[in-house]
Protein backbone atom coordinates (compact mmCIF):
# COMPACT_ATOMS: atom_id res chain seq x y z
CA MET A 1 -133.55 153.04 12.54
CA THR A 2 -133.60 149.74 10.65
CA TRP A 3 -134.69 151.43 7.42
CA PHE A 4 -132.00 154.10 7.85
CA TYR A 5 -129.35 151.40 8.18
CA LEU A 6 -130.71 149.57 5.15
CA ILE A 7 -130.62 152.74 3.04
CA LEU A 8 -127.08 153.44 4.23
CA ALA A 9 -126.13 149.86 3.29
CA GLY A 10 -127.56 150.46 -0.20
CA LEU A 11 -125.61 153.71 -0.57
CA LEU A 12 -122.42 151.92 0.46
CA GLU A 13 -123.20 149.38 -2.24
CA VAL A 14 -123.10 152.23 -4.77
CA VAL A 15 -119.75 153.34 -3.34
CA TRP A 16 -118.19 149.90 -3.62
CA ALA A 17 -119.57 149.34 -7.11
CA TYR A 18 -118.09 152.64 -8.29
CA THR A 19 -114.74 152.15 -6.58
CA MET A 20 -114.57 148.58 -7.87
CA LYS A 21 -114.88 150.01 -11.38
CA ARG A 22 -112.13 152.51 -10.53
CA SER A 23 -109.90 149.77 -9.07
CA GLU A 24 -109.40 148.36 -12.57
CA GLY A 25 -109.75 144.74 -11.49
CA PHE A 26 -108.27 145.41 -8.04
CA SER A 27 -105.00 146.55 -9.62
CA ARG A 28 -105.14 150.04 -8.05
CA LEU A 29 -104.56 150.10 -4.28
CA VAL A 30 -106.67 153.01 -2.98
CA PRO A 31 -109.87 152.22 -4.90
CA SER A 32 -109.42 148.54 -3.98
CA ILE A 33 -109.19 149.36 -0.28
CA ILE A 34 -112.21 151.68 -0.45
CA THR A 35 -114.14 148.93 -2.26
CA LEU A 36 -113.39 146.35 0.43
CA VAL A 37 -114.18 148.71 3.33
CA ALA A 38 -117.45 149.84 1.70
CA MET A 39 -118.37 146.19 1.02
CA LEU A 40 -117.83 145.24 4.66
CA GLY A 41 -119.89 148.20 5.83
CA SER A 42 -122.64 147.53 3.31
CA PHE A 43 -122.88 143.82 4.14
CA GLY A 44 -122.72 144.53 7.87
CA LEU A 45 -125.55 147.06 7.74
CA LEU A 46 -127.59 144.76 5.51
CA ALA A 47 -127.12 141.92 7.98
CA TYR A 48 -128.15 144.18 10.85
CA SER A 49 -131.28 145.25 8.93
CA MET A 50 -132.18 141.60 8.32
CA LYS A 51 -132.49 141.08 12.07
CA THR A 52 -135.76 143.01 11.85
CA LEU A 53 -136.86 143.15 8.21
CA PRO A 54 -137.87 140.16 6.11
CA LEU A 55 -135.11 138.76 3.89
CA GLY A 56 -136.98 139.48 0.66
CA THR A 57 -137.64 143.08 1.60
CA ALA A 58 -134.16 143.87 2.93
CA TYR A 59 -132.30 142.25 0.06
CA THR A 60 -134.58 143.72 -2.62
CA ILE A 61 -134.31 147.25 -1.24
CA TRP A 62 -130.52 146.91 -0.82
CA THR A 63 -129.93 145.69 -4.35
CA GLY A 64 -132.41 148.19 -5.77
CA ILE A 65 -130.68 151.14 -4.15
CA GLY A 66 -127.39 149.79 -5.47
CA ALA A 67 -128.79 149.30 -8.97
CA ILE A 68 -130.38 152.74 -9.22
CA GLY A 69 -127.39 154.40 -7.57
CA ALA A 70 -124.95 152.69 -9.92
CA PHE A 71 -127.17 153.66 -12.86
CA ILE A 72 -127.06 157.34 -11.79
CA VAL A 73 -123.31 157.28 -11.06
CA GLY A 74 -122.68 155.64 -14.41
CA ILE A 75 -124.51 158.40 -16.23
CA VAL A 76 -123.41 161.41 -14.17
CA ILE A 77 -119.80 160.50 -13.37
CA LEU A 78 -118.76 157.89 -15.93
CA GLY A 79 -120.59 159.34 -18.94
CA GLU A 80 -122.58 156.20 -19.71
CA PRO A 81 -125.46 156.59 -22.20
CA LEU A 82 -128.86 157.75 -21.07
CA THR A 83 -131.43 156.02 -23.25
CA MET A 84 -135.17 155.68 -22.92
CA ALA A 85 -134.87 151.93 -22.43
CA ARG A 86 -132.42 152.39 -19.54
CA VAL A 87 -134.63 155.07 -17.95
CA LEU A 88 -137.67 152.79 -18.26
CA ALA A 89 -135.74 149.93 -16.66
CA ALA A 90 -134.70 152.21 -13.79
CA LEU A 91 -138.28 153.38 -13.30
CA LEU A 92 -139.47 149.77 -13.14
CA ILE A 93 -136.86 149.06 -10.46
CA VAL A 94 -137.98 152.10 -8.44
CA GLY A 95 -141.60 150.99 -8.79
CA GLY A 96 -140.67 147.57 -7.47
CA LEU A 97 -138.86 149.12 -4.52
CA VAL A 98 -141.84 151.28 -3.64
CA LEU A 99 -144.20 148.28 -3.81
CA MET A 100 -141.81 146.19 -1.68
CA LYS A 101 -141.66 148.94 0.96
CA LEU A 102 -145.43 149.40 0.97
CA SER A 103 -146.04 145.66 1.29
CA THR A 104 -143.75 145.20 4.30
CA PRO A 105 -145.45 145.22 7.68
């Protein structure tokens, strides 16, 4: 269950990153509230995961899911550019996540 909670924490990180963008500097109420609630949930689940997983593994996986998720949301929802350099960077992040998972006892 620890890995499930960590993945959920990473997905909530994507939610709060997206809604933070939509909050326009916390000047819009609903996206601001969603951002704060998602942050609390994300940090709480990350903290719970760290009770079992090593710090380096938990934090790396959490930030990696957030980075890749934000990358995908940026392209699909926000219309950000999809370039070969950005795709290569994303693939390197995914490779790092896979290696981190495989190297964790």
